[in-house]
Amino acid sequence: MSNAVWFISYELVEGASVPEFLLAAEGCCKEVASKKKGYISWKQLKQGNTWVDLMTFETMEDAINFEEQADPDNPYASKFYSFINPDTLDSQMYSVEKSY
């Protein structure tokens, strides 16, 4: 079985504080993502105004379950999502076929 990578790109809402956003992301990672079955890692990348979350899971099933079981009412998740402009959100899931 291969790992799965969830690639999520977005821009922050206008006027968002990057340090506050990163604190919200850290809280969401520690209190939500890292507690989910199959979670391996979450990297945040940035180029210009575009952010990318690169989340790795043990299996594609774990990644899909994570997405399907997302709880936007969770206070940590809600805080994190409040920084994201939903009109810019795009995501894809990929299976890792080979690592070098």
PDB file of N, CA and C in Angstrom:
ATOM      1  N   MET A   1       0.841  -1.180   0.000  1.00  0.00           N
ATOM      2  CA  MET A   1       0.000   0.000   0.000  1.00  0.00           C
ATOM      3  C   MET A   1       0.887   1.244   0.000  1.00  0.00           C
ATOM      4  N   SER A   2       0.467   2.261  -0.729  1.00  0.00           N
ATOM      5  CA  SER A   2       1.275   3.477  -0.819  1.00  0.00           C
ATOM      6  C   SER A   2       0.659   4.606   0.001  1.00  0.00           C
ATOM      7  N   ASN A   3       1.509   5.544   0.376  1.00  0.00           N
ATOM      8  CA  ASN A   3       1.034   6.732   1.071  1.00  0.00           C
ATOM      9  C   ASN A   3       0.179   7.564   0.144  1.00  0.00           C
ATOM     10  N   ALA A   4      -0.541   8.510   0.738  1.00  0.00           N
ATOM     11  CA  ALA A   4      -1.346   9.455  -0.030  1.00  0.00           C
ATOM     12  C   ALA A   4      -0.946  10.868   0.370  1.00  0.00           C
ATOM     13  N   VAL A   5      -0.958  11.759  -0.605  1.00  0.00           N
ATOM     14  CA  VAL A   5      -0.645  13.166  -0.373  1.00  0.00           C
ATOM     15  C   VAL A   5      -1.848  13.988  -0.796  1.00  0.00           C
ATOM     16  N   TRP A   6      -2.263  14.866   0.095  1.00  0.00           N
ATOM     17  CA  TRP A   6      -3.378  15.772  -0.187  1.00  0.00           C
ATOM     18  C   TRP A   6      -2.761  17.141  -0.417  1.00  0.00           C
ATOM     19  N   PHE A   7      -2.977  17.681  -1.595  1.00  0.00           N
ATOM     20  CA  PHE A   7      -2.416  18.962  -2.041  1.00  0.00           C
ATOM     21  C   PHE A   7      -3.552  19.976  -2.037  1.00  0.00           C
ATOM     22  N   ILE A   8      -3.474  20.967  -1.145  1.00  0.00           N
ATOM     23  CA  ILE A   8      -4.550  21.952  -0.988  1.00  0.00           C
ATOM     24  C   ILE A   8      -3.957  23.343  -1.182  1.00  0.00           C
ATOM     25  N   SER A   9      -4.449  24.075  -2.178  1.00  0.00           N
ATOM     26  CA  SER A   9      -3.930  25.429  -2.407  1.00  0.00           C
ATOM     27  C   SER A   9      -5.036  26.449  -2.133  1.00  0.00           C
ATOM     28  N   TYR A  10      -4.605  27.644  -1.698  1.00  0.00           N
ATOM     29  CA  TYR A  10      -5.557  28.694  -1.336  1.00  0.00           C
ATOM     30  C   TYR A  10      -4.803  30.001  -1.110  1.00  0.00           C
ATOM     31  N   GLU A  11      -5.575  31.069  -1.004  1.00  0.00           N
ATOM     32  CA  GLU A  11      -5.047  32.356  -0.559  1.00  0.00           C
ATOM     33  C   GLU A  11      -5.729  32.714   0.749  1.00  0.00           C
ATOM     34  N   LEU A  12      -5.080  33.537   1.528  1.00  0.00           N
ATOM     35  CA  LEU A  12      -5.671  33.993   2.780  1.00  0.00           C
ATOM     36  C   LEU A  12      -6.670  35.099   2.503  1.00  0.00           C
ATOM     37  N   VAL A  13      -7.596  35.305   3.428  1.00  0.00           N
ATOM     38  CA  VAL A  13      -8.535  36.408   3.309  1.00  0.00           C
ATOM     39  C   VAL A  13      -7.759  37.719   3.391  1.00  0.00           C
ATOM     40  N   GLU A  14      -8.288  38.735   2.777  1.00  0.00           N
ATOM     41  CA  GLU A  14      -7.624  40.037   2.768  1.00  0.00           C
ATOM     42  C   GLU A  14      -7.415  40.543   4.194  1.00  0.00           C
ATOM     43  N   GLY A  15      -6.226  41.017   4.465  1.00  0.00           N
ATOM     44  CA  GLY A  15      -5.897  41.577   5.772  1.00  0.00           C
ATOM     45  C   GLY A  15      -5.517  40.547   6.825  1.00  0.00           C
ATOM     46  N   ALA A  16      -5.445  39.275   6.448  1.00  0.00           N
ATOM     47  CA  ALA A  16      -5.110  38.233   7.424  1.00  0.00           C
ATOM     48  C   ALA A  16      -3.678  38.409   7.927  1.00  0.00           C
ATOM     49  N   SER A  17      -3.499  38.167   9.194  1.00  0.00           N
ATOM     50  CA  SER A  17      -2.175  38.198   9.810  1.00  0.00           C
ATOM     51  C   SER A  17      -1.514  36.837   9.605  1.00  0.00           C
ATOM     52  N   VAL A  18      -0.374  36.819   8.929  1.00  0.00           N
ATOM     53  CA  VAL A  18       0.324  35.559   8.682  1.00  0.00           C
ATOM     54  C   VAL A  18       0.756  34.896   9.996  1.00  0.00           C
ATOM     55  N   PRO A  19       1.350  35.618  10.948  1.00  0.00           N
ATOM     56  CA  PRO A  19       1.707  34.953  12.209  1.00  0.00           C
ATOM     57  C   PRO A  19       0.491  34.337  12.921  1.00  0.00           C
ATOM     58  N   GLU A  20      -0.655  35.029  12.913  1.00  0.00           N
ATOM     59  CA  GLU A  20      -1.860  34.477  13.544  1.00  0.00           C
ATOM     60  C   GLU A  20      -2.368  33.263  12.771  1.00  0.00           C
ATOM     61  N   PHE A  21      -2.296  33.326  11.434  1.00  0.00           N
ATOM     62  CA  PHE A  21      -2.694  32.192  10.607  1.00  0.00           C
ATOM     63  C   PHE A  21      -1.838  30.973  10.915  1.00  0.00           C
ATOM     64  N   LEU A  22      -0.522  31.164  11.010  1.00  0.00           N
ATOM     65  CA  LEU A  22       0.372  30.046  11.290  1.00  0.00           C
ATOM     66  C   LEU A  22       0.118  29.450  12.673  1.00  0.00           C
ATOM     67  N   LEU A  23      -0.220  30.286  13.636  1.00  0.00           N
ATOM     68  CA  LEU A  23      -0.577  29.778  14.971  1.00  0.00           C
ATOM     69  C   LEU A  23      -1.868  28.963  14.907  1.00  0.00           C
ATOM     70  N   ALA A  24      -2.837  29.449  14.120  1.00  0.00           N
ATOM     71  CA  ALA A  24      -4.098  28.711  13.961  1.00  0.00           C
ATOM     72  C   ALA A  24      -3.846  27.375  13.268  1.00  0.00           C
ATOM     73  N   ALA A  25      -2.971  27.366  12.266  1.00  0.00           N
ATOM     74  CA  ALA A  25      -2.640  26.124  11.560  1.00  0.00           C
ATOM     75  C   ALA A  25      -1.956  25.144  12.517  1.00  0.00           C
ATOM     76  N   GLU A  26      -1.044  25.643  13.328  1.00  0.00           N
ATOM     77  CA  GLU A  26      -0.352  24.787  14.288  1.00  0.00           C
ATOM     78  C   GLU A  26      -1.340  24.176  15.273  1.00  0.00           C
ATOM     79  N   GLY A  27      -2.268  24.990  15.753  1.00  0.00           N
ATOM     80  CA  GLY A  27      -3.290  24.485  16.673  1.00  0.00           C
ATOM     81  C   GLY A  27      -4.165  23.432  16.019  1.00  0.00           C
ATOM     82  N   CYS A  28      -4.555  23.673  14.773  1.00  0.00           N
ATOM     83  CA  CYS A  28      -5.374  22.720  14.033  1.00  0.00           C
ATOM     84  C   CYS A  28      -4.603  21.418  13.813  1.00  0.00           C
ATOM     85  N   CYS A  29      -3.335  21.532  13.532  1.00  0.00           N
ATOM     86  CA  CYS A  29      -2.505  20.341  13.329  1.00  0.00           C
ATOM     87  C   CYS A  29      -2.406  19.533  14.618  1.00  0.00           C
ATOM     88  N   LYS A  30      -2.066  20.193  15.712  1.00  0.00           N
ATOM     89  CA  LYS A  30      -1.858  19.496  16.982  1.00  0.00           C
ATOM     90  C   LYS A  30      -3.146  18.899  17.553  1.00  0.00           C
ATOM     91  N   GLU A  31      -4.255  19.644  17.417  1.00  0.00           N
ATOM     92  CA  GLU A  31      -5.495  19.241  18.070  1.00  0.00           C
ATOM     93  C   GLU A  31      -6.482  18.503  17.169  1.00  0.00           C
ATOM     94  N   VAL A  32      -6.263  18.544  15.853  1.00  0.00           N
ATOM     95  CA  VAL A  32      -7.199  17.893  14.939  1.00  0.00           C
ATOM     96  C   VAL A  32      -6.467  16.897  14.038  1.00  0.00           C
ATOM     97  N   ALA A  33      -5.655  17.403  13.131  1.00  0.00           N
ATOM     98  CA  ALA A  33      -5.056  16.560  12.091  1.00  0.00           C
ATOM     99  C   ALA A  33      -4.210  15.425  12.663  1.00  0.00           C
ATOM    100  N   SER A  34      -3.326  15.750  13.593  1.00  0.00           N
ATOM    101  CA  SER A  34      -2.389  14.740  14.104  1.00  0.00           C
ATOM    102  C   SER A  34      -3.081  13.619  14.876  1.00  0.00           C
ATOM    103  N   LYS A  35      -4.330  13.817  15.233  1.00  0.00           N
ATOM    104  CA  LYS A  35      -5.072  12.807  15.994  1.00  0.00           C
ATOM    105  C   LYS A  35      -5.877  11.880  15.088  1.00  0.00           C
ATOM    106  N   LYS A  36      -5.850  12.137  13.794  1.00  0.00           N
ATOM    107  CA  LYS A  36      -6.632  11.336  12.858  1.00  0.00           C
ATOM    108  C   LYS A  36      -5.863  10.105  12.415  1.00  0.00           C
ATOM    109  N   LYS A  37      -6.589   9.042  12.146  1.00  0.00           N
ATOM    110  CA  LYS A  37      -5.993   7.782  11.713  1.00  0.00           C
ATOM    111  C   LYS A  37      -5.205   7.994  10.420  1.00  0.00           C
ATOM    112  N   GLY A  38      -3.973   7.498  10.415  1.00  0.00           N
ATOM    113  CA  GLY A  38      -3.159   7.524   9.215  1.00  0.00           C
ATOM    114  C   GLY A  38      -2.413   8.813   8.948  1.00  0.00           C
ATOM    115  N   TYR A  39      -2.615   9.839   9.777  1.00  0.00           N
ATOM    116  CA  TYR A  39      -1.918  11.113   9.577  1.00  0.00           C
ATOM    117  C   TYR A  39      -0.411  10.908   9.733  1.00  0.00           C
ATOM    118  N   ILE A  40       0.363  11.476   8.789  1.00  0.00           N
ATOM    119  CA  ILE A  40       1.825  11.425   8.871  1.00  0.00           C
ATOM    120  C   ILE A  40       2.413  12.818   9.059  1.00  0.00           C
ATOM    121  N   SER A  41       2.049  13.755   8.176  1.00  0.00           N
ATOM    122  CA  SER A  41       2.647  15.092   8.281  1.00  0.00           C
ATOM    123  C   SER A  41       1.803  16.130   7.556  1.00  0.00           C
ATOM    124  N   TRP A  42       2.097  17.396   7.875  1.00  0.00           N
ATOM    125  CA  TRP A  42       1.431  18.539   7.243  1.00  0.00           C
ATOM    126  C   TRP A  42       2.510  19.591   7.035  1.00  0.00           C
ATOM    127  N   LYS A  43       2.778  19.906   5.795  1.00  0.00           N
ATOM    128  CA  LYS A  43       3.739  20.962   5.458  1.00  0.00           C
ATOM    129  C   LYS A  43       2.974  22.128   4.846  1.00  0.00           C
ATOM    130  N   GLN A  44       3.371  23.334   5.198  1.00  0.00           N
ATOM    131  CA  GLN A  44       2.769  24.528   4.604  1.00  0.00           C
ATOM    132  C   GLN A  44       3.812  25.215   3.733  1.00  0.00           C
ATOM    133  N   LEU A  45       3.442  25.423   2.481  1.00  0.00           N
ATOM    134  CA  LEU A  45       4.319  26.039   1.497  1.00  0.00           C
ATOM    135  C   LEU A  45       3.688  27.354   1.051  1.00  0.00           C
ATOM    136  N   LYS A  46       4.522  28.270   0.546  1.00  0.00           N
ATOM    137  CA  LYS A  46       3.996  29.561   0.113  1.00  0.00           C
ATOM    138  C   LYS A  46       4.810  30.089  -1.057  1.00  0.00           C
ATOM    139  N   GLN A  47       4.096  30.611  -2.047  1.00  0.00           N
ATOM    140  CA  GLN A  47       4.719  31.345  -3.144  1.00  0.00           C
ATOM    141  C   GLN A  47       3.812  32.518  -3.455  1.00  0.00           C
ATOM    142  N   GLY A  48       4.349  33.723  -3.292  1.00  0.00           N
ATOM    143  CA  GLY A  48       3.517  34.911  -3.493  1.00  0.00           C
ATOM    144  C   GLY A  48       2.361  34.902  -2.506  1.00  0.00           C
ATOM    145  N   ASN A  49       1.129  35.029  -3.028  1.00  0.00           N
ATOM    146  CA  ASN A  49      -0.060  35.017  -2.176  1.00  0.00           C
ATOM    147  C   ASN A  49      -0.672  33.625  -2.034  1.00  0.00           C
ATOM    148  N   THR A  50      -0.101  32.656  -2.731  1.00  0.00           N
ATOM    149  CA  THR A  50      -0.670  31.312  -2.724  1.00  0.00           C
ATOM    150  C   THR A  50       0.008  30.436  -1.674  1.00  0.00           C
ATOM    151  N   TRP A  51      -0.817  29.819  -0.866  1.00  0.00           N
ATOM    152  CA  TRP A  51      -0.369  28.867   0.141  1.00  0.00           C
ATOM    153  C   TRP A  51      -0.725  27.476  -0.328  1.00  0.00           C
ATOM    154  N   VAL A  52       0.084  26.500   0.046  1.00  0.00           N
ATOM    155  CA  VAL A  52      -0.194  25.099  -0.243  1.00  0.00           C
ATOM    156  C   VAL A  52       0.008  24.301   1.029  1.00  0.00           C
ATOM    157  N   ASP A  53      -0.998  23.516   1.370  1.00  0.00           N
ATOM    158  CA  ASP A  53      -0.872  22.556   2.457  1.00  0.00           C
ATOM    159  C   ASP A  53      -0.610  21.210   1.810  1.00  0.00           C
ATOM    160  N   LEU A  54       0.454  20.577   2.221  1.00  0.00           N
ATOM    161  CA  LEU A  54       0.835  19.269   1.712  1.00  0.00           C
ATOM    162  C   LEU A  54       0.701  18.302   2.879  1.00  0.00           C
ATOM    163  N   MET A  55      -0.400  17.560   2.886  1.00  0.00           N
ATOM    164  CA  MET A  55      -0.675  16.634   3.985  1.00  0.00           C
ATOM    165  C   MET A  55      -0.430  15.211   3.511  1.00  0.00           C
ATOM    166  N   THR A  56       0.290  14.446   4.316  1.00  0.00           N
ATOM    167  CA  THR A  56       0.616  13.073   3.959  1.00  0.00           C
ATOM    168  C   THR A  56      -0.075  12.117   4.934  1.00  0.00           C
ATOM    169  N   PHE A  57      -0.652  11.057   4.360  1.00  0.00           N
ATOM    170  CA  PHE A  57      -1.359  10.039   5.123  1.00  0.00           C
ATOM    171  C   PHE A  57      -0.813   8.664   4.769  1.00  0.00           C
ATOM    172  N   GLU A  58      -1.026   7.709   5.645  1.00  0.00           N
ATOM    173  CA  GLU A  58      -0.544   6.347   5.403  1.00  0.00           C
ATOM    174  C   GLU A  58      -1.189   5.733   4.166  1.00  0.00           C
ATOM    175  N   THR A  59      -2.497   5.980   3.960  1.00  0.00           N
ATOM    176  CA  THR A  59      -3.208   5.407   2.815  1.00  0.00           C
ATOM    177  C   THR A  59      -4.152   6.437   2.203  1.00  0.00           C
ATOM    178  N   MET A  60      -4.594   6.161   0.991  1.00  0.00           N
ATOM    179  CA  MET A  60      -5.585   7.023   0.351  1.00  0.00           C
ATOM    180  C   MET A  60      -6.891   6.995   1.144  1.00  0.00           C
ATOM    181  N   GLU A  61      -7.238   5.848   1.668  1.00  0.00           N
ATOM    182  CA  GLU A  61      -8.455   5.733   2.475  1.00  0.00           C
ATOM    183  C   GLU A  61      -8.386   6.661   3.691  1.00  0.00           C
ATOM    184  N   ASP A  62      -7.212   6.745   4.339  1.00  0.00           N
ATOM    185  CA  ASP A  62      -7.050   7.643   5.486  1.00  0.00           C
ATOM    186  C   ASP A  62      -7.239   9.096   5.067  1.00  0.00           C
ATOM    187  N   ALA A  63      -6.679   9.475   3.914  1.00  0.00           N
ATOM    188  CA  ALA A  63      -6.811  10.848   3.423  1.00  0.00           C
ATOM    189  C   ALA A  63      -8.263  11.173   3.117  1.00  0.00           C
ATOM    190  N   ILE A  64      -8.949  10.255   2.457  1.00  0.00           N
ATOM    191  CA  ILE A  64     -10.368  10.473   2.116  1.00  0.00           C
ATOM    192  C   ILE A  64     -11.206  10.563   3.379  1.00  0.00           C
ATOM    193  N   ASN A  65     -10.961   9.673   4.331  1.00  0.00           N
ATOM    194  CA  ASN A  65     -11.709   9.720   5.595  1.00  0.00           C
ATOM    195  C   ASN A  65     -11.455  11.016   6.348  1.00  0.00           C
ATOM    196  N   PHE A  66     -10.215  11.497   6.319  1.00  0.00           N
ATOM    197  CA  PHE A  66      -9.896  12.765   6.974  1.00  0.00           C
ATOM    198  C   PHE A  66     -10.750  13.881   6.384  1.00  0.00           C
ATOM    199  N   GLU A  67     -10.814  13.940   5.060  1.00  0.00           N
ATOM    200  CA  GLU A  67     -11.601  14.985   4.390  1.00  0.00           C
ATOM    201  C   GLU A  67     -13.090  14.834   4.699  1.00  0.00           C
ATOM    202  N   GLU A  68     -13.599  13.612   4.607  1.00  0.00           N
ATOM    203  CA  GLU A  68     -15.028  13.374   4.813  1.00  0.00           C
ATOM    204  C   GLU A  68     -15.460  13.600   6.258  1.00  0.00           C
ATOM    205  N   GLN A  69     -14.554  13.387   7.201  1.00  0.00           N
ATOM    206  CA  GLN A  69     -14.893  13.525   8.613  1.00  0.00           C
ATOM    207  C   GLN A  69     -14.485  14.879   9.185  1.00  0.00           C
ATOM    208  N   ALA A  70     -14.108  15.797   8.311  1.00  0.00           N
ATOM    209  CA  ALA A  70     -13.712  17.132   8.783  1.00  0.00           C
ATOM    210  C   ALA A  70     -14.885  17.768   9.528  1.00  0.00           C
ATOM    211  N   ASP A  71     -14.579  18.374  10.646  1.00  0.00           N
ATOM    212  CA  ASP A  71     -15.603  19.017  11.473  1.00  0.00           C
ATOM    213  C   ASP A  71     -15.344  20.518  11.505  1.00  0.00           C
ATOM    214  N   PRO A  72     -16.023  21.282  10.619  1.00  0.00           N
ATOM    215  CA  PRO A  72     -15.788  22.721  10.575  1.00  0.00           C
ATOM    216  C   PRO A  72     -16.201  23.445  11.855  1.00  0.00           C
ATOM    217  N   ASP A  73     -16.971  22.763  12.713  1.00  0.00           N
ATOM    218  CA  ASP A  73     -17.386  23.380  13.975  1.00  0.00           C
ATOM    219  C   ASP A  73     -16.356  23.193  15.086  1.00  0.00           C
ATOM    220  N   ASN A  74     -15.353  22.359  14.837  1.00  0.00           N
ATOM    221  CA  ASN A  74     -14.282  22.211  15.811  1.00  0.00           C
ATOM    222  C   ASN A  74     -13.606  23.575  15.961  1.00  0.00           C
ATOM    223  N   PRO A  75     -13.392  24.056  17.183  1.00  0.00           N
ATOM    224  CA  PRO A  75     -12.838  25.405  17.350  1.00  0.00           C
ATOM    225  C   PRO A  75     -11.462  25.605  16.708  1.00  0.00           C
ATOM    226  N   TYR A  76     -10.621  24.577  16.701  1.00  0.00           N
ATOM    227  CA  TYR A  76      -9.299  24.695  16.083  1.00  0.00           C
ATOM    228  C   TYR A  76      -9.414  24.752  14.573  1.00  0.00           C
ATOM    229  N   ALA A  77     -10.258  23.896  14.010  1.00  0.00           N
ATOM    230  CA  ALA A  77     -10.472  23.890  12.563  1.00  0.00           C
ATOM    231  C   ALA A  77     -11.154  25.181  12.123  1.00  0.00           C
ATOM    232  N   SER A  78     -12.146  25.605  12.879  1.00  0.00           N
ATOM    233  CA  SER A  78     -12.887  26.829  12.553  1.00  0.00           C
ATOM    234  C   SER A  78     -11.962  28.039  12.521  1.00  0.00           C
ATOM    235  N   LYS A  79     -11.086  28.133  13.486  1.00  0.00           N
ATOM    236  CA  LYS A  79     -10.121  29.240  13.537  1.00  0.00           C
ATOM    237  C   LYS A  79      -9.215  29.204  12.305  1.00  0.00           C
ATOM    238  N   PHE A  80      -8.702  28.015  11.965  1.00  0.00           N
ATOM    239  CA  PHE A  80      -7.839  27.862  10.803  1.00  0.00           C
ATOM    240  C   PHE A  80      -8.579  28.259   9.524  1.00  0.00           C
ATOM    241  N   TYR A  81      -9.778  27.703   9.329  1.00  0.00           N
ATOM    242  CA  TYR A  81     -10.546  27.991   8.110  1.00  0.00           C
ATOM    243  C   TYR A  81     -10.941  29.455   7.991  1.00  0.00           C
ATOM    244  N   SER A  82     -11.032  30.163   9.101  1.00  0.00           N
ATOM    245  CA  SER A  82     -11.436  31.578   9.045  1.00  0.00           C
ATOM    246  C   SER A  82     -10.410  32.449   8.319  1.00  0.00           C
ATOM    247  N   PHE A  83      -9.191  31.955   8.164  1.00  0.00           N
ATOM    248  CA  PHE A  83      -8.140  32.698   7.479  1.00  0.00           C
ATOM    249  C   PHE A  83      -8.130  32.447   5.964  1.00  0.00           C
ATOM    250  N   ILE A  84      -8.855  31.434   5.509  1.00  0.00           N
ATOM    251  CA  ILE A  84      -8.776  31.005   4.106  1.00  0.00           C
ATOM    252  C   ILE A  84      -9.899  31.609   3.277  1.00  0.00           C
ATOM    253  N   ASN A  85      -9.528  32.162   2.116  1.00  0.00           N
ATOM    254  CA  ASN A  85     -10.513  32.663   1.166  1.00  0.00           C
ATOM    255  C   ASN A  85     -11.092  31.462   0.419  1.00  0.00           C
ATOM    256  N   PRO A  86     -12.356  31.100   0.675  1.00  0.00           N
ATOM    257  CA  PRO A  86     -12.910  29.882   0.072  1.00  0.00           C
ATOM    258  C   PRO A  86     -13.000  29.941  -1.457  1.00  0.00           C
ATOM    259  N   ASP A  87     -13.041  31.143  -2.024  1.00  0.00           N
ATOM    260  CA  ASP A  87     -13.109  31.278  -3.485  1.00  0.00           C
ATOM    261  C   ASP A  87     -11.808  30.863  -4.162  1.00  0.00           C
ATOM    262  N   THR A  88     -10.729  30.738  -3.400  1.00  0.00           N
ATOM    263  CA  THR A  88      -9.426  30.400  -3.973  1.00  0.00           C
ATOM    264  C   THR A  88      -9.010  28.963  -3.672  1.00  0.00           C
ATOM    265  N   LEU A  89      -9.839  28.242  -2.959  1.00  0.00           N
ATOM    266  CA  LEU A  89      -9.504  26.909  -2.478  1.00  0.00           C
ATOM    267  C   LEU A  89      -9.566  25.865  -3.600  1.00  0.00           C
ATOM    268  N   ASP A  90      -8.523  25.046  -3.687  1.00  0.00           N
ATOM    269  CA  ASP A  90      -8.476  23.943  -4.644  1.00  0.00           C
ATOM    270  C   ASP A  90      -7.709  22.793  -3.998  1.00  0.00           C
ATOM    271  N   SER A  91      -8.144  21.570  -4.239  1.00  0.00           N
ATOM    272  CA  SER A  91      -7.417  20.447  -3.646  1.00  0.00           C
ATOM    273  C   SER A  91      -7.491  19.211  -4.536  1.00  0.00           C
ATOM    274  N   GLN A  92      -6.447  18.405  -4.413  1.00  0.00           N
ATOM    275  CA  GLN A  92      -6.365  17.115  -5.096  1.00  0.00           C
ATOM    276  C   GLN A  92      -5.664  16.140  -4.167  1.00  0.00           C
ATOM    277  N   MET A  93      -6.004  14.860  -4.322  1.00  0.00           N
ATOM    278  CA  MET A  93      -5.323  13.809  -3.579  1.00  0.00           C
ATOM    279  C   MET A  93      -4.557  12.937  -4.579  1.00  0.00           C
ATOM    280  N   TYR A  94      -3.367  12.545  -4.176  1.00  0.00           N
ATOM    281  CA  TYR A  94      -2.495  11.731  -5.024  1.00  0.00           C
ATOM    282  C   TYR A  94      -1.973  10.549  -4.218  1.00  0.00           C
ATOM    283  N   SER A  95      -1.817   9.421  -4.889  1.00  0.00           N
ATOM    284  CA  SER A  95      -1.137   8.301  -4.241  1.00  0.00           C
ATOM    285  C   SER A  95       0.346   8.419  -4.571  1.00  0.00           C
ATOM    286  N   VAL A  96       1.184   8.066  -3.612  1.00  0.00           N
ATOM    287  CA  VAL A  96       2.626   8.101  -3.817  1.00  0.00           C
ATOM    288  C   VAL A  96       3.002   6.787  -4.491  1.00  0.00           C
ATOM    289  N   GLU A  97       3.443   6.868  -5.718  1.00  0.00           N
ATOM    290  CA  GLU A  97       3.785   5.674  -6.476  1.00  0.00           C
ATOM    291  C   GLU A  97       5.233   5.251  -6.263  1.00  0.00           C
ATOM    292  N   LYS A  98       6.101   6.217  -6.028  1.00  0.00           N
ATOM    293  CA  LYS A  98       7.526   5.899  -5.813  1.00  0.00           C
ATOM    294  C   LYS A  98       8.181   7.064  -5.106  1.00  0.00           C
ATOM    295  N   SER A  99       9.023   6.773  -4.163  1.00  0.00           N
ATOM    296  CA  SER A  99       9.824   7.787  -3.480  1.00  0.00           C
ATOM    297  C   SER A  99      11.292   7.476  -3.719  1.00  0.00           C
ATOM    298  N   TYR A 100      12.104   8.517  -3.881  1.00  0.00           N
ATOM    299  CA  TYR A 100      13.536   8.331  -4.131  1.00  0.00           C
ATOM    300  C   TYR A 100      14.339   8.939  -3.008  1.00  0.00           C
TER     301      TYR A 100
END
